Amino acid sequence: MGLLTQLVTLPLAPVRGVVWVAEQVQEAAESEYYDPAPVHAALAELERRLLAGEIDEETFDREEDELLDRLEAVQARRTGPEGPPPDAGQGS
């Protein structure tokens, strides 16, 4: 950017800063939400609760379906609309 452009857009600097911060927060939230590790941990905890008799089979099935749907969304987000990367599943 030239000096003139920077001077003209200087009043917008606070807005650009706020937008940048909002984008960073959104990116961090999406990264955390689409991390499969917490979903796997929740599935393990759910199974533990079932085996310990803390929940019944119906509750287990309902919550497991919700977690599996979320895991499917996570995997779809990671692979993207065009499918998995070409080298996915191949050993290095």
N, C-alpha and C. Protein backbone atom coordinates (compact mmCIF):
# COMPACT_ATOMS: atom_id res chain seq x y z
N MET A 1 0.83 -1.18 0.00
CA MET A 1 0.00 0.00 0.00
C MET A 1 0.87 1.23 0.00
N GLY A 2 0.42 2.20 -0.71
CA GLY A 2 1.14 3.45 -0.74
C GLY A 2 0.82 4.30 0.48
N LEU A 3 1.61 5.31 0.67
CA LEU A 3 1.42 6.20 1.81
C LEU A 3 0.07 6.89 1.74
N LEU A 4 -0.32 7.33 0.55
CA LEU A 4 -1.60 8.01 0.38
C LEU A 4 -2.76 7.08 0.74
N THR A 5 -2.69 5.84 0.31
CA THR A 5 -3.75 4.87 0.62
C THR A 5 -3.83 4.64 2.12
N GLN A 6 -2.68 4.53 2.77
CA GLN A 6 -2.68 4.33 4.22
C GLN A 6 -3.29 5.52 4.95
N LEU A 7 -3.00 6.72 4.48
CA LEU A 7 -3.56 7.92 5.11
C LEU A 7 -5.07 8.00 4.91
N VAL A 8 -5.52 7.66 3.72
CA VAL A 8 -6.95 7.73 3.42
C VAL A 8 -7.72 6.69 4.21
N THR A 9 -7.16 5.50 4.38
CA THR A 9 -7.87 4.43 5.08
C THR A 9 -7.56 4.38 6.57
N LEU A 10 -6.79 5.34 7.07
CA LEU A 10 -6.45 5.35 8.49
C LEU A 10 -7.67 5.35 9.41
N PRO A 11 -8.73 6.08 9.10
CA PRO A 11 -9.91 6.02 9.98
C PRO A 11 -10.53 4.62 10.08
N LEU A 12 -10.26 3.76 9.11
CA LEU A 12 -10.81 2.41 9.14
C LEU A 12 -9.94 1.43 9.91
N ALA A 13 -8.80 1.84 10.39
CA ALA A 13 -7.87 0.96 11.09
C ALA A 13 -8.51 0.25 12.28
N PRO A 14 -9.27 0.95 13.13
CA PRO A 14 -9.91 0.22 14.25
C PRO A 14 -10.90 -0.84 13.77
N VAL A 15 -11.61 -0.57 12.70
CA VAL A 15 -12.56 -1.54 12.16
C VAL A 15 -11.81 -2.75 11.63
N ARG A 16 -10.71 -2.51 10.91
CA ARG A 16 -9.92 -3.63 10.39
C ARG A 16 -9.36 -4.47 11.54
N GLY A 17 -8.96 -3.80 12.63
CA GLY A 17 -8.45 -4.52 13.79
C GLY A 17 -9.51 -5.41 14.42
N VAL A 18 -10.71 -4.87 14.55
CA VAL A 18 -11.81 -5.64 15.14
C VAL A 18 -12.17 -6.82 14.23
N VAL A 19 -12.19 -6.60 12.95
CA VAL A 19 -12.49 -7.68 12.00
C VAL A 19 -11.42 -8.77 12.10
N TRP A 20 -10.17 -8.37 12.18
CA TRP A 20 -9.08 -9.35 12.28
C TRP A 20 -9.22 -10.18 13.55
N VAL A 21 -9.51 -9.53 14.67
CA VAL A 21 -9.68 -10.25 15.94
C VAL A 21 -10.86 -11.21 15.83
N ALA A 22 -11.95 -10.77 15.26
CA ALA A 22 -13.13 -11.63 15.11
C ALA A 22 -12.80 -12.84 14.24
N GLU A 23 -12.03 -12.64 13.17
CA GLU A 23 -11.64 -13.76 12.32
C GLU A 23 -10.76 -14.75 13.07
N GLN A 24 -9.86 -14.24 13.91
CA GLN A 24 -8.98 -15.12 14.69
C GLN A 24 -9.78 -15.93 15.71
N VAL A 25 -10.75 -15.30 16.35
CA VAL A 25 -11.60 -16.00 17.31
C VAL A 25 -12.41 -17.07 16.61
N GLN A 26 -12.97 -16.74 15.45
CA GLN A 26 -13.76 -17.71 14.69
C GLN A 26 -12.88 -18.89 14.27
N GLU A 27 -11.68 -18.60 13.80
CA GLU A 27 -10.78 -19.67 13.37
C GLU A 27 -10.41 -20.59 14.54
N ALA A 28 -10.15 -20.01 15.70
CA ALA A 28 -9.81 -20.82 16.88
C ALA A 28 -11.00 -21.67 17.32
N ALA A 29 -12.19 -21.08 17.30
CA ALA A 29 -13.39 -21.82 17.70
C ALA A 29 -13.67 -22.97 16.74
N GLU A 30 -13.53 -22.73 15.45
CA GLU A 30 -13.75 -23.79 14.47
C GLU A 30 -12.71 -24.88 14.61
N SER A 31 -11.48 -24.49 14.86
CA SER A 31 -10.41 -25.47 15.04
C SER A 31 -10.71 -26.38 16.23
N GLU A 32 -11.17 -25.77 17.30
CA GLU A 32 -11.50 -26.55 18.50
C GLU A 32 -12.73 -27.42 18.28
N TYR A 33 -13.75 -26.88 17.64
CA TYR A 33 -14.99 -27.63 17.42
C TYR A 33 -14.77 -28.80 16.48
N TYR A 34 -13.95 -28.60 15.46
CA TYR A 34 -13.73 -29.64 14.46
C TYR A 34 -12.54 -30.55 14.78
N ASP A 35 -12.08 -30.54 16.03
CA ASP A 35 -11.02 -31.44 16.47
C ASP A 35 -11.68 -32.77 16.84
N PRO A 36 -11.26 -33.88 16.24
CA PRO A 36 -11.91 -35.17 16.51
C PRO A 36 -11.56 -35.76 17.88
N ALA A 37 -10.49 -35.33 18.50
CA ALA A 37 -10.06 -35.92 19.78
C ALA A 37 -11.13 -35.80 20.88
N PRO A 38 -11.75 -34.62 21.08
CA PRO A 38 -12.79 -34.55 22.12
C PRO A 38 -14.00 -35.44 21.82
N VAL A 39 -14.31 -35.63 20.55
CA VAL A 39 -15.44 -36.48 20.19
C VAL A 39 -15.12 -37.93 20.53
N HIS A 40 -13.89 -38.35 20.21
CA HIS A 40 -13.47 -39.71 20.56
C HIS A 40 -13.48 -39.91 22.08
N ALA A 41 -13.02 -38.89 22.80
CA ALA A 41 -13.02 -38.98 24.27
C ALA A 41 -14.45 -39.06 24.81
N ALA A 42 -15.36 -38.29 24.22
CA ALA A 42 -16.75 -38.32 24.65
C ALA A 42 -17.38 -39.69 24.37
N LEU A 43 -17.03 -40.30 23.24
CA LEU A 43 -17.54 -41.64 22.93
C LEU A 43 -17.02 -42.66 23.95
N ALA A 44 -15.75 -42.56 24.31
CA ALA A 44 -15.18 -43.48 25.30
C ALA A 44 -15.85 -43.28 26.66
N GLU A 45 -16.08 -42.04 27.04
CA GLU A 45 -16.73 -41.74 28.32
C GLU A 45 -18.17 -42.26 28.31
N LEU A 46 -18.84 -42.10 27.19
CA LEU A 46 -20.22 -42.58 27.07
C LEU A 46 -20.27 -44.10 27.24
N GLU A 47 -19.33 -44.80 26.62
CA GLU A 47 -19.29 -46.25 26.77
C GLU A 47 -18.98 -46.65 28.22
N ARG A 48 -18.08 -45.90 28.85
CA ARG A 48 -17.76 -46.17 30.25
C ARG A 48 -19.00 -46.02 31.14
N ARG A 49 -19.77 -44.96 30.88
CA ARG A 49 -20.99 -44.73 31.66
C ARG A 49 -22.00 -45.84 31.45
N LEU A 50 -22.10 -46.36 30.22
CA LEU A 50 -23.02 -47.46 29.94
C LEU A 50 -22.59 -48.71 30.70
N LEU A 51 -21.31 -49.04 30.62
CA LEU A 51 -20.80 -50.24 31.28
C LEU A 51 -20.88 -50.14 32.79
N ALA A 52 -20.80 -48.92 33.32
CA ALA A 52 -20.89 -48.72 34.76
C ALA A 52 -22.34 -48.68 35.24
N GLY A 53 -23.29 -48.71 34.29
CA GLY A 53 -24.70 -48.69 34.66
C GLY A 53 -25.23 -47.30 34.98
N GLU A 54 -24.48 -46.26 34.63
CA GLU A 54 -24.92 -44.89 34.91
C GLU A 54 -25.99 -44.42 33.95
N ILE A 55 -26.02 -45.00 32.75
CA ILE A 55 -27.04 -44.65 31.76
C ILE A 55 -27.61 -45.94 31.18
N ASP A 56 -28.83 -45.82 30.61
CA ASP A 56 -29.43 -47.00 30.00
C ASP A 56 -29.08 -47.07 28.52
N GLU A 57 -29.47 -48.17 27.90
CA GLU A 57 -29.14 -48.42 26.50
C GLU A 57 -29.73 -47.36 25.56
N GLU A 58 -30.95 -46.93 25.87
CA GLU A 58 -31.62 -45.93 25.03
C GLU A 58 -30.87 -44.59 25.05
N THR A 59 -30.47 -44.17 26.23
CA THR A 59 -29.69 -42.93 26.36
C THR A 59 -28.36 -43.06 25.64
N PHE A 60 -27.73 -44.21 25.81
CA PHE A 60 -26.46 -44.47 25.14
C PHE A 60 -26.62 -44.35 23.62
N ASP A 61 -27.63 -45.01 23.07
CA ASP A 61 -27.86 -44.98 21.62
C ASP A 61 -28.09 -43.56 21.12
N ARG A 62 -28.91 -42.81 21.84
CA ARG A 62 -29.23 -41.44 21.42
C ARG A 62 -27.97 -40.56 21.43
N GLU A 63 -27.22 -40.61 22.53
CA GLU A 63 -26.03 -39.77 22.64
C GLU A 63 -24.93 -40.24 21.69
N GLU A 64 -24.83 -41.54 21.50
CA GLU A 64 -23.83 -42.06 20.57
C GLU A 64 -24.13 -41.59 19.15
N ASP A 65 -25.40 -41.61 18.75
CA ASP A 65 -25.78 -41.13 17.42
C ASP A 65 -25.39 -39.67 17.23
N GLU A 66 -25.62 -38.84 18.26
CA GLU A 66 -25.26 -37.43 18.17
C GLU A 66 -23.75 -37.27 18.01
N LEU A 67 -22.98 -38.02 18.80
CA LEU A 67 -21.52 -37.93 18.71
C LEU A 67 -21.00 -38.45 17.38
N LEU A 68 -21.58 -39.52 16.88
CA LEU A 68 -21.15 -40.05 15.59
C LEU A 68 -21.49 -39.08 14.45
N ASP A 69 -22.64 -38.40 14.55
CA ASP A 69 -22.98 -37.38 13.56
C ASP A 69 -21.95 -36.25 13.59
N ARG A 70 -21.57 -35.84 14.79
CA ARG A 70 -20.58 -34.78 14.92
C ARG A 70 -19.22 -35.24 14.37
N LEU A 71 -18.85 -36.48 14.65
CA LEU A 71 -17.59 -37.01 14.14
C LEU A 71 -17.61 -37.07 12.61
N GLU A 72 -18.74 -37.43 12.05
CA GLU A 72 -18.88 -37.46 10.60
C GLU A 72 -18.72 -36.05 10.01
N ALA A 73 -19.29 -35.06 10.69
CA ALA A 73 -19.15 -33.67 10.24
C ALA A 73 -17.70 -33.22 10.32
N VAL A 74 -17.01 -33.64 11.37
CA VAL A 74 -15.59 -33.30 11.53
C VAL A 74 -14.78 -33.91 10.39
N GLN A 75 -15.03 -35.16 10.10
CA GLN A 75 -14.29 -35.83 9.03
C GLN A 75 -14.61 -35.23 7.67
N ALA A 76 -15.86 -34.86 7.45
CA ALA A 76 -16.24 -34.24 6.18
C ALA A 76 -15.57 -32.88 6.04
N ARG A 77 -15.47 -32.16 7.12
CA ARG A 77 -14.82 -30.84 7.10
C ARG A 77 -13.33 -30.98 6.80
N ARG A 78 -12.70 -32.00 7.38
CA ARG A 78 -11.26 -32.20 7.19
C ARG A 78 -10.94 -32.67 5.78
N THR A 79 -11.81 -33.48 5.17
CA THR A 79 -11.53 -33.99 3.83
C THR A 79 -11.97 -33.01 2.76
N GLY A 80 -12.88 -32.11 3.08
CA GLY A 80 -13.34 -31.12 2.12
C GLY A 80 -14.34 -31.70 1.14
N PRO A 81 -14.90 -30.85 0.30
CA PRO A 81 -15.95 -31.30 -0.63
C PRO A 81 -15.43 -32.22 -1.73
N GLU A 82 -14.15 -32.15 -2.03
CA GLU A 82 -13.63 -32.97 -3.12
C GLU A 82 -13.14 -34.32 -2.66
N GLY A 83 -13.31 -34.64 -1.38
CA GLY A 83 -12.90 -35.95 -0.87
C GLY A 83 -11.55 -35.87 -0.19
N PRO A 84 -11.02 -37.02 0.22
CA PRO A 84 -9.76 -37.02 0.94
C PRO A 84 -8.60 -36.64 0.02
N PRO A 85 -7.53 -36.13 0.62
CA PRO A 85 -6.35 -35.80 -0.19
C PRO A 85 -5.83 -37.03 -0.91
N PRO A 86 -5.14 -36.87 -2.05
CA PRO A 86 -4.68 -38.01 -2.84
C PRO A 86 -3.78 -38.97 -2.07
N ASP A 87 -2.98 -38.48 -1.13
CA ASP A 87 -2.07 -39.35 -0.41
C ASP A 87 -2.64 -39.84 0.91
N ALA A 88 -3.92 -39.59 1.16
CA ALA A 88 -4.54 -40.03 2.42
C ALA A 88 -4.57 -41.55 2.49
N GLY A 89 -4.19 -42.06 3.65
CA GLY A 89 -4.23 -43.49 3.86
C GLY A 89 -3.02 -44.24 3.34
N GLN A 90 -2.06 -43.55 2.78
CA GLN A 90 -0.86 -44.19 2.27
C GLN A 90 0.28 -43.94 3.25
N GLY A 91 1.05 -44.94 3.53
CA GLY A 91 2.18 -44.78 4.44
C GLY A 91 3.29 -43.99 3.81
N SER A 92 4.04 -43.26 4.64
CA SER A 92 5.15 -42.46 4.12
C SER A 92 6.44 -43.20 4.26
